[in-house]
Amino acid sequence: APTSQLAGHLLVECLVAQGVTHAFGVPGESYLAVLDGFHAHRE
C-alpha cells in the first residue's frame, strides 16, 4: 500500500512531477506543511 505523508509534502511532489524546478514566494504560517515539503525535496 502507498505510504501516507503530509498533504503539503504531496503538493511539492506534484510540482516536481510537473517539471517545476523553482517556486517563488513569501513564507506564511498558512502553508507551513508545504514549506516542510520543500525542505524534504530540496534536492
All heavy atoms as atom14 arrays in JSON, in Angstrom:
{
  "sequence": "APTSQLAGHLLVECLVAQGVTHAFGVPGESYLAVLDGFHAHRE",
  "atom14_mask": [
    [1, 1, 1, 1, 1, 0, 0, 0, 0, 0, 0, 0, 0, 0],
    [1, 1, 1, 1, 1, 1, 1, 0, 0, 0, 0, 0, 0, 0],
    [1, 1, 1, 1, 1, 1, 1, 0, 0, 0, 0, 0, 0, 0],
    [1, 1, 1, 1, 1, 1, 0, 0, 0, 0, 0, 0, 0, 0],
    [1, 1, 1, 1, 1, 1, 1, 1, 1, 0, 0, 0, 0, 0],
    [1, 1, 1, 1, 1, 1, 1, 1, 0, 0, 0, 0, 0, 0],
    [1, 1, 1, 1, 1, 0, 0, 0, 0, 0, 0, 0, 0, 0],
    [1, 1, 1, 1, 0, 0, 0, 0, 0, 0, 0, 0, 0, 0],
    [1, 1, 1, 1, 1, 1, 1, 1, 1, 1, 0, 0, 0, 0],
    [1, 1, 1, 1, 1, 1, 1, 1, 0, 0, 0, 0, 0, 0],
    [1, 1, 1, 1, 1, 1, 1, 1, 0, 0, 0, 0, 0, 0],
    [1, 1, 1, 1, 1, 1, 1, 0, 0, 0, 0, 0, 0, 0],
    [1, 1, 1, 1, 1, 1, 1, 1, 1, 0, 0, 0, 0, 0],
    [1, 1, 1, 1, 1, 1, 0, 0, 0, 0, 0, 0, 0, 0],
    [1, 1, 1, 1, 1, 1, 1, 1, 0, 0, 0, 0, 0, 0],
    [1, 1, 1, 1, 1, 1, 1, 0, 0, 0, 0, 0, 0, 0],
    [1, 1, 1, 1, 1, 0, 0, 0, 0, 0, 0, 0, 0, 0],
    [1, 1, 1, 1, 1, 1, 1, 1, 1, 0, 0, 0, 0, 0],
    [1, 1, 1, 1, 0, 0, 0, 0, 0, 0, 0, 0, 0, 0],
    [1, 1, 1, 1, 1, 1, 1, 0, 0, 0, 0, 0, 0, 0],
    [1, 1, 1, 1, 1, 1, 1, 0, 0, 0, 0, 0, 0, 0],
    [1, 1, 1, 1, 1, 1, 1, 1, 1, 1, 0, 0, 0, 0],
    [1, 1, 1, 1, 1, 0, 0, 0, 0, 0, 0, 0, 0, 0],
    [1, 1, 1, 1, 1, 1, 1, 1, 1, 1, 1, 0, 0, 0],
    [1, 1, 1, 1, 0, 0, 0, 0, 0, 0, 0, 0, 0, 0],
    [1, 1, 1, 1, 1, 1, 1, 0, 0, 0, 0, 0, 0, 0],
    [1, 1, 1, 1, 1, 1, 1, 0, 0, 0, 0, 0, 0, 0],
    [1, 1, 1, 1, 0, 0, 0, 0, 0, 0, 0, 0, 0, 0],
    [1, 1, 1, 1, 1, 1, 1, 1, 1, 0, 0, 0, 0, 0],
    [1, 1, 1, 1, 1, 1, 0, 0, 0, 0, 0, 0, 0, 0],
    [1, 1, 1, 1, 1, 1, 1, 1, 1, 1, 1, 1, 0, 0],
    [1, 1, 1, 1, 1, 1, 1, 1, 0, 0, 0, 0, 0, 0],
    [1, 1, 1, 1, 1, 0, 0, 0, 0, 0, 0, 0, 0, 0],
    [1, 1, 1, 1, 1, 1, 1, 0, 0, 0, 0, 0, 0, 0],
    [1, 1, 1, 1, 1, 1, 1, 1, 0, 0, 0, 0, 0, 0],
    [1, 1, 1, 1, 1, 1, 1, 1, 0, 0, 0, 0, 0, 0],
    [1, 1, 1, 1, 0, 0, 0, 0, 0, 0, 0, 0, 0, 0],
    [1, 1, 1, 1, 1, 1, 1, 1, 1, 1, 1, 0, 0, 0],
    [1, 1, 1, 1, 1, 1, 1, 1, 1, 1, 0, 0, 0, 0],
    [1, 1, 1, 1, 1, 0, 0, 0, 0, 0, 0, 0, 0, 0],
    [1, 1, 1, 1, 1, 1, 1, 1, 1, 1, 0, 0, 0, 0],
    [1, 1, 1, 1, 1, 1, 1, 1, 1, 1, 1, 0, 0, 0],
    [1, 1, 1, 1, 1, 1, 1, 1, 1, 0, 0, 0, 0, 0]
  ],
  "atom14_positions": [
    [[0.84, -1.2, 0.0], [0.0, 0.0, 0.0], [0.87, 1.24, 0.0], [1.94, 1.25, 0.62], [-0.9, 0.0, 1.23], [0.0, 0.0, 0.0], [0.0, 0.0, 0.0], [0.0, 0.0, 0.0], [0.0, 0.0, 0.0], [0.0, 0.0, 0.0], [0.0, 0.0, 0.0], [0.0, 0.0, 0.0], [0.0, 0.0, 0.0], [0.0, 0.0, 0.0]],
    [[0.44, 2.28, -0.71], [1.24, 3.51, -0.73], [1.41, 4.08, 0.68], [0.51, 3.99, 1.52], [0.4, 4.46, -1.6], [-0.52, 3.57, -2.37], [-0.78, 2.38, -1.52], [0.0, 0.0, 0.0], [0.0, 0.0, 0.0], [0.0, 0.0, 0.0], [0.0, 0.0, 0.0], [0.0, 0.0, 0.0], [0.0, 0.0, 0.0], [0.0, 0.0, 0.0]],
    [[2.58, 4.62, 0.93], [2.87, 5.2, 2.24], [2.19, 6.56, 2.37], [2.22, 7.37, 1.46], [4.39, 5.36, 2.41], [5.0, 4.1, 2.22], [4.71, 5.9, 3.79], [0.0, 0.0, 0.0], [0.0, 0.0, 0.0], [0.0, 0.0, 0.0], [0.0, 0.0, 0.0], [0.0, 0.0, 0.0], [0.0, 0.0, 0.0], [0.0, 0.0, 0.0]],
    [[1.58, 6.79, 3.54], [0.94, 8.07, 3.78], [1.99, 9.14, 4.07], [3.09, 8.86, 4.55], [-0.02, 7.97, 4.96], [-1.12, 7.16, 4.63], [0.0, 0.0, 0.0], [0.0, 0.0, 0.0], [0.0, 0.0, 0.0], [0.0, 0.0, 0.0], [0.0, 0.0, 0.0], [0.0, 0.0, 0.0], [0.0, 0.0, 0.0], [0.0, 0.0, 0.0]],
    [[1.65, 10.37, 3.75], [2.51, 11.51, 4.03], [1.65, 12.74, 4.2], [0.44, 12.72, 3.91], [3.51, 11.71, 2.9], [2.87, 12.04, 1.55], [3.88, 12.28, 0.44], [4.98, 12.76, 0.7], [3.53, 11.92, -0.78], [0.0, 0.0, 0.0], [0.0, 0.0, 0.0], [0.0, 0.0, 0.0], [0.0, 0.0, 0.0], [0.0, 0.0, 0.0]],
    [[2.25, 13.82, 4.64], [1.53, 15.08, 4.77], [1.07, 15.56, 3.4], [1.8, 15.46, 2.4], [2.41, 16.14, 5.41], [2.67, 16.09, 6.91], [3.6, 17.22, 7.31], [1.36, 16.17, 7.68], [0.0, 0.0, 0.0], [0.0, 0.0, 0.0], [0.0, 0.0, 0.0], [0.0, 0.0, 0.0], [0.0, 0.0, 0.0], [0.0, 0.0, 0.0]],
    [[-0.12, 16.12, 3.37], [-0.63, 16.67, 2.1], [0.31, 17.74, 1.56], [0.49, 17.87, 0.34], [-2.03, 17.23, 2.32], [0.0, 0.0, 0.0], [0.0, 0.0, 0.0], [0.0, 0.0, 0.0], [0.0, 0.0, 0.0], [0.0, 0.0, 0.0], [0.0, 0.0, 0.0], [0.0, 0.0, 0.0], [0.0, 0.0, 0.0], [0.0, 0.0, 0.0]],
    [[0.9, 18.53, 2.45], [1.84, 19.56, 2.0], [3.04, 18.98, 1.27], [3.55, 19.56, 0.31], [0.0, 0.0, 0.0], [0.0, 0.0, 0.0], [0.0, 0.0, 0.0], [0.0, 0.0, 0.0], [0.0, 0.0, 0.0], [0.0, 0.0, 0.0], [0.0, 0.0, 0.0], [0.0, 0.0, 0.0], [0.0, 0.0, 0.0], [0.0, 0.0, 0.0]],
    [[3.5, 17.81, 1.69], [4.6, 17.13, 1.01], [4.15, 16.62, -0.36], [4.9, 16.71, -1.34], [5.11, 15.98, 1.87], [5.92, 16.42, 3.03], [7.07, 15.77, 3.44], [5.78, 17.45, 3.91], [7.59, 16.38, 4.5], [6.8, 17.4, 4.81], [0.0, 0.0, 0.0], [0.0, 0.0, 0.0], [0.0, 0.0, 0.0], [0.0, 0.0, 0.0]],
    [[2.94, 16.05, -0.41], [2.41, 15.56, -1.69], [2.32, 16.7, -2.69], [2.63, 16.53, -3.88], [1.03, 14.93, -1.48], [0.26, 14.58, -2.76], [1.01, 13.53, -3.58], [-1.15, 14.1, -2.41], [0.0, 0.0, 0.0], [0.0, 0.0, 0.0], [0.0, 0.0, 0.0], [0.0, 0.0, 0.0], [0.0, 0.0, 0.0], [0.0, 0.0, 0.0]],
    [[1.9, 17.88, -2.25], [1.78, 19.02, -3.14], [3.12, 19.33, -3.81], [3.2, 19.57, -5.02], [1.28, 20.24, -2.37], [1.08, 21.53, -3.18], [0.02, 21.35, -4.25], [0.71, 22.68, -2.28], [0.0, 0.0, 0.0], [0.0, 0.0, 0.0], [0.0, 0.0, 0.0], [0.0, 0.0, 0.0], [0.0, 0.0, 0.0], [0.0, 0.0, 0.0]],
    [[4.19, 19.32, -3.03], [5.51, 19.59, -3.59], [5.9, 18.49, -4.57], [6.47, 18.76, -5.64], [6.55, 19.73, -2.46], [7.95, 19.89, -3.05], [6.21, 20.93, -1.57], [0.0, 0.0, 0.0], [0.0, 0.0, 0.0], [0.0, 0.0, 0.0], [0.0, 0.0, 0.0], [0.0, 0.0, 0.0], [0.0, 0.0, 0.0], [0.0, 0.0, 0.0]],
    [[5.59, 17.23, -4.26], [5.89, 16.14, -5.19], [5.14, 16.32, -6.51], [5.66, 16.01, -7.58], [5.54, 14.8, -4.55], [6.49, 14.37, -3.44], [6.21, 12.95, -2.96], [5.21, 12.34, -3.44], [6.96, 12.47, -2.1], [0.0, 0.0, 0.0], [0.0, 0.0, 0.0], [0.0, 0.0, 0.0], [0.0, 0.0, 0.0], [0.0, 0.0, 0.0]],
    [[3.92, 16.83, -6.43], [3.15, 17.08, -7.66], [3.83, 18.15, -8.51], [3.82, 18.08, -9.75], [1.73, 17.5, -7.31], [0.71, 16.17, -6.65], [0.0, 0.0, 0.0], [0.0, 0.0, 0.0], [0.0, 0.0, 0.0], [0.0, 0.0, 0.0], [0.0, 0.0, 0.0], [0.0, 0.0, 0.0], [0.0, 0.0, 0.0], [0.0, 0.0, 0.0]],
    [[4.41, 19.17, -7.87], [5.13, 20.2, -8.63], [6.36, 19.6, -9.3], [6.65, 19.89, -10.47], [5.54, 21.34, -7.7], [4.41, 22.14, -7.05], [4.98, 23.23, -6.15], [3.5, 22.76, -8.11], [0.0, 0.0, 0.0], [0.0, 0.0, 0.0], [0.0, 0.0, 0.0], [0.0, 0.0, 0.0], [0.0, 0.0, 0.0], [0.0, 0.0, 0.0]],
    [[7.08, 18.77, -8.59], [8.25, 18.1, -9.19], [7.82, 17.26, -10.39], [8.49, 17.25, -11.43], [8.97, 17.24, -8.13], [10.07, 16.41, -8.77], [9.55, 18.12, -7.02], [0.0, 0.0, 0.0], [0.0, 0.0, 0.0], [0.0, 0.0, 0.0], [0.0, 0.0, 0.0], [0.0, 0.0, 0.0], [0.0, 0.0, 0.0], [0.0, 0.0, 0.0]],
    [[6.69, 16.56, -10.26], [6.2, 15.74, -11.36], [5.85, 16.58, -12.58], [5.94, 16.1, -13.72], [4.97, 14.95, -10.92], [0.0, 0.0, 0.0], [0.0, 0.0, 0.0], [0.0, 0.0, 0.0], [0.0, 0.0, 0.0], [0.0, 0.0, 0.0], [0.0, 0.0, 0.0], [0.0, 0.0, 0.0], [0.0, 0.0, 0.0], [0.0, 0.0, 0.0]],
    [[5.48, 17.85, -12.37], [5.18, 18.75, -13.48], [6.44, 19.43, -14.04], [6.34, 20.27, -14.93], [4.16, 19.8, -13.06], [2.8, 19.25, -12.72], [2.18, 18.49, -13.88], [2.37, 18.83, -15.04], [1.44, 17.42, -13.56], [0.0, 0.0, 0.0], [0.0, 0.0, 0.0], [0.0, 0.0, 0.0], [0.0, 0.0, 0.0], [0.0, 0.0, 0.0]],
    [[7.6, 19.07, -13.53], [8.85, 19.63, -14.05], [9.25, 20.94, -13.44], [10.15, 21.62, -13.96], [0.0, 0.0, 0.0], [0.0, 0.0, 0.0], [0.0, 0.0, 0.0], [0.0, 0.0, 0.0], [0.0, 0.0, 0.0], [0.0, 0.0, 0.0], [0.0, 0.0, 0.0], [0.0, 0.0, 0.0], [0.0, 0.0, 0.0], [0.0, 0.0, 0.0]],
    [[8.62, 21.34, -12.34], [8.94, 22.62, -11.71], [10.28, 22.49, -10.98], [10.49, 21.57, -10.19], [7.84, 23.04, -10.72], [8.21, 24.35, -10.02], [6.51, 23.18, -11.45], [0.0, 0.0, 0.0], [0.0, 0.0, 0.0], [0.0, 0.0, 0.0], [0.0, 0.0, 0.0], [0.0, 0.0, 0.0], [0.0, 0.0, 0.0], [0.0, 0.0, 0.0]],
    [[11.18, 23.42, -11.24], [12.5, 23.43, -10.57], [12.63, 24.57, -9.58], [13.46, 24.5, -8.67], [13.63, 23.55, -11.6], [13.46, 24.77, -12.36], [13.63, 22.35, -12.55], [0.0, 0.0, 0.0], [0.0, 0.0, 0.0], [0.0, 0.0, 0.0], [0.0, 0.0, 0.0], [0.0, 0.0, 0.0], [0.0, 0.0, 0.0], [0.0, 0.0, 0.0]],
    [[11.83, 25.63, -9.75], [11.88, 26.78, -8.86], [10.45, 27.24, -8.54], [9.62, 27.35, -9.45], [12.63, 27.96, -9.5], [14.08, 27.71, -9.73], [14.55, 26.89, -10.73], [15.18, 28.18, -9.06], [15.87, 26.88, -10.7], [16.28, 27.64, -9.7], [0.0, 0.0, 0.0], [0.0, 0.0, 0.0], [0.0, 0.0, 0.0], [0.0, 0.0, 0.0]],
    [[10.19, 27.48, -7.28], [8.94, 28.11, -6.86], [9.3, 29.37, -6.09], [10.27, 29.39, -5.34], [8.12, 27.17, -5.99], [0.0, 0.0, 0.0], [0.0, 0.0, 0.0], [0.0, 0.0, 0.0], [0.0, 0.0, 0.0], [0.0, 0.0, 0.0], [0.0, 0.0, 0.0], [0.0, 0.0, 0.0], [0.0, 0.0, 0.0], [0.0, 0.0, 0.0]],
    [[8.53, 30.42, -6.3], [8.83, 31.72, -5.71], [7.74, 32.08, -4.7], [6.57, 31.75, -4.9], [8.9, 32.79, -6.8], [9.9, 32.46, -7.88], [9.52, 31.72, -8.99], [11.22, 32.87, -7.77], [10.44, 31.41, -9.98], [12.14, 32.55, -8.75], [11.76, 31.82, -9.86], [0.0, 0.0, 0.0], [0.0, 0.0, 0.0], [0.0, 0.0, 0.0]],
    [[8.12, 32.75, -3.63], [7.1, 33.11, -2.67], [7.62, 33.8, -1.44], [8.83, 33.96, -1.23], [0.0, 0.0, 0.0], [0.0, 0.0, 0.0], [0.0, 0.0, 0.0], [0.0, 0.0, 0.0], [0.0, 0.0, 0.0], [0.0, 0.0, 0.0], [0.0, 0.0, 0.0], [0.0, 0.0, 0.0], [0.0, 0.0, 0.0], [0.0, 0.0, 0.0]],
    [[6.67, 34.24, -0.63], [6.94, 34.77, 0.7], [6.3, 33.8, 1.69], [5.12, 33.47, 1.55], [6.36, 36.19, 0.87], [6.55, 36.69, 2.3], [7.0, 37.15, -0.13], [0.0, 0.0, 0.0], [0.0, 0.0, 0.0], [0.0, 0.0, 0.0], [0.0, 0.0, 0.0], [0.0, 0.0, 0.0], [0.0, 0.0, 0.0], [0.0, 0.0, 0.0]],
    [[7.05, 33.28, 2.66], [6.5, 32.25, 3.54], [5.37, 32.77, 4.4], [5.3, 33.95, 4.74], [7.71, 31.84, 4.39], [8.61, 33.03, 4.36], [8.43, 33.65, 3.01], [0.0, 0.0, 0.0], [0.0, 0.0, 0.0], [0.0, 0.0, 0.0], [0.0, 0.0, 0.0], [0.0, 0.0, 0.0], [0.0, 0.0, 0.0], [0.0, 0.0, 0.0]],
    [[4.45, 31.86, 4.74], [3.35, 32.21, 5.62], [2.98, 31.02, 6.5], [3.17, 29.87, 6.09], [0.0, 0.0, 0.0], [0.0, 0.0, 0.0], [0.0, 0.0, 0.0], [0.0, 0.0, 0.0], [0.0, 0.0, 0.0], [0.0, 0.0, 0.0], [0.0, 0.0, 0.0], [0.0, 0.0, 0.0], [0.0, 0.0, 0.0], [0.0, 0.0, 0.0]],
    [[2.46, 31.31, 7.67], [2.11, 30.21, 8.57], [0.98, 29.37, 8.03], [0.73, 28.24, 8.48], [1.75, 30.75, 9.97], [0.52, 31.61, 10.03], [0.8, 33.09, 9.81], [1.83, 33.42, 9.17], [0.01, 33.92, 10.29], [0.0, 0.0, 0.0], [0.0, 0.0, 0.0], [0.0, 0.0, 0.0], [0.0, 0.0, 0.0], [0.0, 0.0, 0.0]],
    [[0.26, 29.89, 7.03], [-0.87, 29.15, 6.47], [-0.43, 27.96, 5.62], [-1.24, 27.09, 5.32], [-1.73, 30.08, 5.63], [-0.95, 30.68, 4.61], [0.0, 0.0, 0.0], [0.0, 0.0, 0.0], [0.0, 0.0, 0.0], [0.0, 0.0, 0.0], [0.0, 0.0, 0.0], [0.0, 0.0, 0.0], [0.0, 0.0, 0.0], [0.0, 0.0, 0.0]],
    [[0.83, 27.91, 5.19], [1.26, 26.75, 4.4], [2.61, 26.2, 4.88], [3.46, 25.8, 4.1], [1.27, 27.07, 2.9], [2.25, 28.1, 2.41], [3.48, 27.72, 1.88], [1.94, 29.46, 2.41], [4.39, 28.65, 1.38], [2.83, 30.4, 1.93], [4.06, 29.99, 1.41], [4.95, 30.91, 0.91], [0.0, 0.0, 0.0], [0.0, 0.0, 0.0]],
    [[2.76, 26.1, 6.2], [3.99, 25.56, 6.77], [4.24, 24.12, 6.32], [5.4, 23.71, 6.14], [3.91, 25.61, 8.3], [3.96, 27.0, 8.96], [3.8, 26.87, 10.47], [5.26, 27.73, 8.61], [0.0, 0.0, 0.0], [0.0, 0.0, 0.0], [0.0, 0.0, 0.0], [0.0, 0.0, 0.0], [0.0, 0.0, 0.0], [0.0, 0.0, 0.0]],
    [[3.19, 23.35, 6.13], [3.36, 21.96, 5.7], [3.96, 21.88, 4.31], [4.7, 20.95, 3.98], [2.02, 21.23, 5.75], [0.0, 0.0, 0.0], [0.0, 0.0, 0.0], [0.0, 0.0, 0.0], [0.0, 0.0, 0.0], [0.0, 0.0, 0.0], [0.0, 0.0, 0.0], [0.0, 0.0, 0.0], [0.0, 0.0, 0.0], [0.0, 0.0, 0.0]],
    [[3.64, 22.87, 3.44], [4.25, 22.91, 2.1], [5.73, 23.29, 2.22], [6.59, 22.7, 1.54], [3.5, 23.9, 1.2], [4.18, 23.98, -0.18], [2.05, 23.48, 1.04], [0.0, 0.0, 0.0], [0.0, 0.0, 0.0], [0.0, 0.0, 0.0], [0.0, 0.0, 0.0], [0.0, 0.0, 0.0], [0.0, 0.0, 0.0], [0.0, 0.0, 0.0]],
    [[6.04, 24.25, 3.08], [7.44, 24.61, 3.28], [8.24, 23.41, 3.78], [9.39, 23.2, 3.38], [7.54, 25.77, 4.28], [6.97, 27.11, 3.82], [7.01, 28.13, 4.95], [7.71, 27.63, 2.6], [0.0, 0.0, 0.0], [0.0, 0.0, 0.0], [0.0, 0.0, 0.0], [0.0, 0.0, 0.0], [0.0, 0.0, 0.0], [0.0, 0.0, 0.0]],
    [[7.62, 22.6, 4.63], [8.3, 21.39, 5.07], [8.5, 20.41, 3.91], [9.5, 19.7, 3.84], [7.5, 20.72, 6.19], [8.34, 19.72, 6.96], [9.34, 20.12, 7.58], [8.01, 18.5, 6.91], [0.0, 0.0, 0.0], [0.0, 0.0, 0.0], [0.0, 0.0, 0.0], [0.0, 0.0, 0.0], [0.0, 0.0, 0.0], [0.0, 0.0, 0.0]],
    [[7.54, 20.41, 2.98], [7.7, 19.6, 1.77], [8.84, 20.08, 0.9], [9.59, 19.28, 0.33], [0.0, 0.0, 0.0], [0.0, 0.0, 0.0], [0.0, 0.0, 0.0], [0.0, 0.0, 0.0], [0.0, 0.0, 0.0], [0.0, 0.0, 0.0], [0.0, 0.0, 0.0], [0.0, 0.0, 0.0], [0.0, 0.0, 0.0], [0.0, 0.0, 0.0]],
    [[8.97, 21.4, 0.79], [10.12, 21.94, 0.04], [11.44, 21.53, 0.71], [12.43, 21.24, 0.04], [10.03, 23.46, -0.05], [9.09, 23.96, -1.12], [8.03, 24.78, -0.79], [9.26, 23.6, -2.44], [7.16, 25.25, -1.76], [8.4, 24.06, -3.43], [7.34, 24.88, -3.09], [0.0, 0.0, 0.0], [0.0, 0.0, 0.0], [0.0, 0.0, 0.0]],
    [[11.44, 21.51, 2.03], [12.64, 21.08, 2.75], [12.95, 19.61, 2.44], [14.09, 19.23, 2.18], [12.47, 21.27, 4.25], [13.63, 20.78, 5.07], [13.68, 19.5, 5.58], [14.78, 21.39, 5.44], [14.82, 19.34, 6.23], [15.49, 20.47, 6.17], [0.0, 0.0, 0.0], [0.0, 0.0, 0.0], [0.0, 0.0, 0.0], [0.0, 0.0, 0.0]],
    [[11.9, 18.79, 2.45], [12.1, 17.37, 2.2], [12.6, 17.09, 0.78], [13.33, 16.12, 0.56], [10.79, 16.62, 2.46], [0.0, 0.0, 0.0], [0.0, 0.0, 0.0], [0.0, 0.0, 0.0], [0.0, 0.0, 0.0], [0.0, 0.0, 0.0], [0.0, 0.0, 0.0], [0.0, 0.0, 0.0], [0.0, 0.0, 0.0], [0.0, 0.0, 0.0]],
    [[12.21, 17.92, -0.16], [12.56, 17.7, -1.57], [13.5, 18.79, -2.09], [13.51, 19.1, -3.28], [11.29, 17.65, -2.42], [10.38, 16.53, -2.05], [10.64, 15.21, -2.37], [9.19, 16.52, -1.36], [9.67, 14.44, -1.92], [8.77, 15.21, -1.3], [0.0, 0.0, 0.0], [0.0, 0.0, 0.0], [0.0, 0.0, 0.0], [0.0, 0.0, 0.0]],
    [[14.32, 19.33, -1.2], [15.17, 20.47, -1.56], [16.22, 20.13, -2.61], [16.77, 21.03, -3.24], [15.84, 21.05, -0.32], [16.72, 20.09, 0.46], [17.11, 20.7, 1.8], [17.94, 19.82, 2.61], [17.47, 18.83, 3.36], [16.16, 18.59, 3.4], [18.29, 18.08, 4.08], [0.0, 0.0, 0.0], [0.0, 0.0, 0.0], [0.0, 0.0, 0.0]],
    [[16.5, 18.86, -2.82], [17.46, 18.48, -3.86], [16.83, 18.49, -5.25], [17.53, 18.45, -6.25], [18.03, 17.09, -3.57], [18.75, 16.97, -2.24], [19.91, 17.95, -2.12], [20.59, 18.17, -3.14], [20.12, 18.49, -1.02], [0.0, 0.0, 0.0], [0.0, 0.0, 0.0], [0.0, 0.0, 0.0], [0.0, 0.0, 0.0], [0.0, 0.0, 0.0]]
  ]
}
